[in-house]
Amino acid sequence: MQAKLDEILGKELLIIAFRTKKSKFKESNYTTIQFKLGDRLHIVFTGSEVLMNQLEKYKDKIPFYTKIIKPGKYYTFT
C-alpha cells in the first residue's frame, strides 16, 4: 500500500528496505522506502535528501524502528 509522508508523520515505522533511483522528471534522485506500519506493508516515495542520507548512513542497521518527523521545512528520522 502506498502512503504519503504527511500521513505517517510521528508514527512508529519498521524500515525494511529502500532503493534510491534517478528521477525521470527532475535532475535529482528519489528514494522508495518500504516499511511496516502495524501489520501492513507500505511504501513511500521521497526526494528528501535528509532521509536519503540517513538511510544510506544506517543501511547496515535495517530493519530498524523509527519515526519520521518534520521539525521545520525538512523530514528526518528520529
N, C-alpha and C. Protein backbone atom coordinates (compact mmCIF):
# COMPACT_ATOMS: atom_id res chain seq x y z
N MET A 1 0.84 -1.17 0.00
CA MET A 1 0.00 0.00 0.00
C MET A 1 0.90 1.24 0.00
N GLN A 2 0.59 2.19 -0.85
CA GLN A 2 1.39 3.41 -0.93
C GLN A 2 0.87 4.44 0.07
N ALA A 3 1.80 5.11 0.73
CA ALA A 3 1.46 6.14 1.70
C ALA A 3 2.10 7.46 1.29
N LYS A 4 1.66 8.54 1.92
CA LYS A 4 2.28 9.85 1.76
C LYS A 4 3.00 10.18 3.05
N LEU A 5 4.12 10.90 2.94
CA LEU A 5 4.91 11.22 4.13
C LEU A 5 4.07 11.90 5.21
N ASP A 6 3.25 12.85 4.83
CA ASP A 6 2.46 13.58 5.83
C ASP A 6 1.46 12.69 6.56
N GLU A 7 1.07 11.57 5.95
CA GLU A 7 0.13 10.65 6.58
C GLU A 7 0.79 9.79 7.66
N ILE A 8 2.11 9.64 7.60
CA ILE A 8 2.79 8.74 8.54
C ILE A 8 3.69 9.49 9.53
N LEU A 9 3.63 10.81 9.53
CA LEU A 9 4.46 11.59 10.46
C LEU A 9 4.16 11.20 11.90
N GLY A 10 5.21 11.00 12.68
CA GLY A 10 5.08 10.71 14.09
C GLY A 10 4.65 9.29 14.44
N LYS A 11 4.45 8.44 13.45
CA LYS A 11 4.05 7.06 13.71
C LYS A 11 5.27 6.15 13.69
N GLU A 12 5.27 5.14 14.56
CA GLU A 12 6.40 4.22 14.61
C GLU A 12 6.38 3.28 13.40
N LEU A 13 7.47 3.31 12.65
CA LEU A 13 7.60 2.53 11.43
C LEU A 13 8.75 1.54 11.57
N LEU A 14 8.62 0.39 10.96
CA LEU A 14 9.71 -0.56 10.85
C LEU A 14 10.24 -0.46 9.43
N ILE A 15 11.41 0.16 9.28
CA ILE A 15 12.02 0.32 7.96
C ILE A 15 12.58 -1.03 7.54
N ILE A 16 12.14 -1.51 6.38
CA ILE A 16 12.54 -2.84 5.91
C ILE A 16 13.56 -2.75 4.78
N ALA A 17 13.35 -1.79 3.87
CA ALA A 17 14.25 -1.68 2.71
C ALA A 17 14.08 -0.30 2.09
N PHE A 18 15.04 0.06 1.24
CA PHE A 18 14.91 1.29 0.47
C PHE A 18 15.70 1.14 -0.82
N ARG A 19 15.34 1.97 -1.79
CA ARG A 19 16.04 1.99 -3.07
C ARG A 19 16.04 3.43 -3.58
N THR A 20 17.21 3.91 -3.96
CA THR A 20 17.34 5.26 -4.50
C THR A 20 17.59 5.17 -5.99
N LYS A 21 16.84 5.96 -6.75
CA LYS A 21 16.95 5.96 -8.20
C LYS A 21 16.97 7.39 -8.72
N LYS A 22 17.42 7.52 -9.93
CA LYS A 22 17.42 8.81 -10.63
C LYS A 22 16.00 9.11 -11.08
N SER A 23 15.53 10.33 -10.83
CA SER A 23 14.20 10.74 -11.24
C SER A 23 14.15 10.92 -12.76
N LYS A 24 13.03 10.54 -13.36
CA LYS A 24 12.83 10.76 -14.80
C LYS A 24 12.42 12.19 -15.09
N PHE A 25 11.92 12.89 -14.07
CA PHE A 25 11.34 14.20 -14.28
C PHE A 25 12.22 15.35 -13.78
N LYS A 26 13.12 15.06 -12.86
CA LYS A 26 14.00 16.09 -12.29
C LYS A 26 15.44 15.62 -12.41
N GLU A 27 16.35 16.52 -12.12
CA GLU A 27 17.77 16.16 -12.15
C GLU A 27 18.25 15.60 -10.82
N SER A 28 17.33 15.26 -9.95
CA SER A 28 17.70 14.75 -8.64
C SER A 28 17.26 13.30 -8.50
N ASN A 29 17.58 12.72 -7.35
CA ASN A 29 17.20 11.35 -7.05
C ASN A 29 15.94 11.32 -6.21
N TYR A 30 15.33 10.15 -6.15
CA TYR A 30 14.24 9.92 -5.22
C TYR A 30 14.46 8.55 -4.59
N THR A 31 13.86 8.35 -3.44
CA THR A 31 14.00 7.09 -2.73
C THR A 31 12.63 6.48 -2.47
N THR A 32 12.55 5.17 -2.66
CA THR A 32 11.38 4.40 -2.29
C THR A 32 11.72 3.71 -0.98
N ILE A 33 10.90 3.95 0.04
CA ILE A 33 11.12 3.34 1.36
C ILE A 33 10.02 2.31 1.60
N GLN A 34 10.43 1.08 1.91
CA GLN A 34 9.47 0.03 2.25
C GLN A 34 9.47 -0.09 3.77
N PHE A 35 8.27 -0.09 4.37
CA PHE A 35 8.17 -0.15 5.82
C PHE A 35 6.89 -0.86 6.24
N LYS A 36 6.89 -1.28 7.50
CA LYS A 36 5.69 -1.87 8.10
C LYS A 36 5.13 -0.86 9.09
N LEU A 37 3.83 -0.68 9.03
CA LEU A 37 3.09 0.13 9.99
C LEU A 37 2.02 -0.78 10.54
N GLY A 38 2.18 -1.17 11.80
CA GLY A 38 1.30 -2.21 12.33
C GLY A 38 1.64 -3.52 11.65
N ASP A 39 0.64 -4.19 11.12
CA ASP A 39 0.85 -5.46 10.43
C ASP A 39 0.88 -5.31 8.91
N ARG A 40 0.76 -4.07 8.43
CA ARG A 40 0.66 -3.87 6.98
C ARG A 40 1.97 -3.35 6.39
N LEU A 41 2.26 -3.82 5.19
CA LEU A 41 3.44 -3.41 4.45
C LEU A 41 3.08 -2.20 3.58
N HIS A 42 3.94 -1.18 3.58
CA HIS A 42 3.69 0.06 2.84
C HIS A 42 4.96 0.48 2.11
N ILE A 43 4.78 1.40 1.15
CA ILE A 43 5.92 2.10 0.55
C ILE A 43 5.59 3.59 0.53
N VAL A 44 6.66 4.39 0.53
CA VAL A 44 6.51 5.83 0.38
C VAL A 44 7.65 6.31 -0.51
N PHE A 45 7.35 7.28 -1.35
CA PHE A 45 8.36 7.87 -2.22
C PHE A 45 8.76 9.22 -1.65
N THR A 46 10.06 9.54 -1.69
CA THR A 46 10.51 10.83 -1.18
C THR A 46 11.73 11.32 -1.94
N GLY A 47 11.82 12.61 -2.04
CA GLY A 47 13.00 13.26 -2.60
C GLY A 47 13.81 13.94 -1.50
N SER A 48 13.44 13.68 -0.25
CA SER A 48 14.11 14.30 0.89
C SER A 48 15.57 13.85 0.98
N GLU A 49 16.47 14.79 0.80
CA GLU A 49 17.90 14.46 0.88
C GLU A 49 18.29 14.05 2.29
N VAL A 50 17.65 14.64 3.30
CA VAL A 50 17.95 14.27 4.68
C VAL A 50 17.62 12.80 4.92
N LEU A 51 16.42 12.38 4.51
CA LEU A 51 16.03 10.98 4.68
C LEU A 51 16.92 10.05 3.87
N MET A 52 17.25 10.45 2.64
CA MET A 52 18.12 9.60 1.80
C MET A 52 19.49 9.44 2.45
N ASN A 53 20.04 10.52 2.97
CA ASN A 53 21.36 10.45 3.62
C ASN A 53 21.31 9.59 4.87
N GLN A 54 20.25 9.72 5.65
CA GLN A 54 20.12 8.91 6.87
C GLN A 54 19.97 7.43 6.53
N LEU A 55 19.18 7.12 5.51
CA LEU A 55 19.02 5.71 5.10
C LEU A 55 20.35 5.12 4.65
N GLU A 56 21.10 5.88 3.88
CA GLU A 56 22.40 5.40 3.41
C GLU A 56 23.34 5.18 4.60
N LYS A 57 23.32 6.10 5.55
CA LYS A 57 24.19 6.01 6.73
C LYS A 57 23.87 4.79 7.60
N TYR A 58 22.57 4.47 7.73
CA TYR A 58 22.15 3.39 8.63
C TYR A 58 21.67 2.14 7.89
N LYS A 59 22.06 1.97 6.62
CA LYS A 59 21.59 0.81 5.85
C LYS A 59 22.01 -0.52 6.47
N ASP A 60 23.12 -0.53 7.19
CA ASP A 60 23.56 -1.77 7.84
C ASP A 60 22.72 -2.12 9.06
N LYS A 61 21.89 -1.20 9.52
CA LYS A 61 21.05 -1.42 10.71
C LYS A 61 19.64 -1.89 10.33
N ILE A 62 19.33 -1.93 9.03
CA ILE A 62 17.99 -2.32 8.58
C ILE A 62 17.77 -3.79 8.87
N PRO A 63 16.64 -4.20 9.41
CA PRO A 63 15.45 -3.40 9.72
C PRO A 63 15.62 -2.65 11.05
N PHE A 64 15.00 -1.46 11.12
CA PHE A 64 15.03 -0.69 12.36
C PHE A 64 13.73 0.10 12.51
N TYR A 65 13.39 0.38 13.78
CA TYR A 65 12.21 1.16 14.09
C TYR A 65 12.58 2.63 14.16
N THR A 66 11.70 3.48 13.66
CA THR A 66 11.92 4.92 13.70
C THR A 66 10.59 5.63 13.48
N LYS A 67 10.62 6.93 13.62
CA LYS A 67 9.50 7.79 13.27
C LYS A 67 10.04 8.84 12.31
N ILE A 68 9.19 9.32 11.43
CA ILE A 68 9.55 10.43 10.56
C ILE A 68 8.86 11.68 11.13
N ILE A 69 9.65 12.72 11.31
CA ILE A 69 9.11 13.98 11.81
C ILE A 69 9.49 15.10 10.84
N LYS A 70 8.83 16.23 11.01
CA LYS A 70 9.11 17.39 10.16
C LYS A 70 9.30 18.60 11.08
N PRO A 71 10.54 18.80 11.56
CA PRO A 71 10.79 19.90 12.51
C PRO A 71 11.07 21.24 11.81
N GLY A 72 10.30 21.55 10.82
CA GLY A 72 10.52 22.77 10.04
C GLY A 72 10.18 22.48 8.59
N LYS A 73 11.14 22.72 7.71
CA LYS A 73 10.91 22.55 6.28
C LYS A 73 11.47 21.25 5.71
N TYR A 74 11.93 20.34 6.55
CA TYR A 74 12.52 19.09 6.09
C TYR A 74 12.02 17.92 6.92
N TYR A 75 12.12 16.73 6.34
CA TYR A 75 11.76 15.49 7.02
C TYR A 75 13.02 14.84 7.57
N THR A 76 12.90 14.17 8.71
CA THR A 76 14.03 13.47 9.30
C THR A 76 13.53 12.28 10.12
N PHE A 77 14.40 11.30 10.30
CA PHE A 77 14.09 10.19 11.20
C PHE A 77 14.45 10.58 12.62
N THR A 78 13.71 10.02 13.59
CA THR A 78 14.04 10.27 14.99
C THR A 78 15.03 9.25 15.48
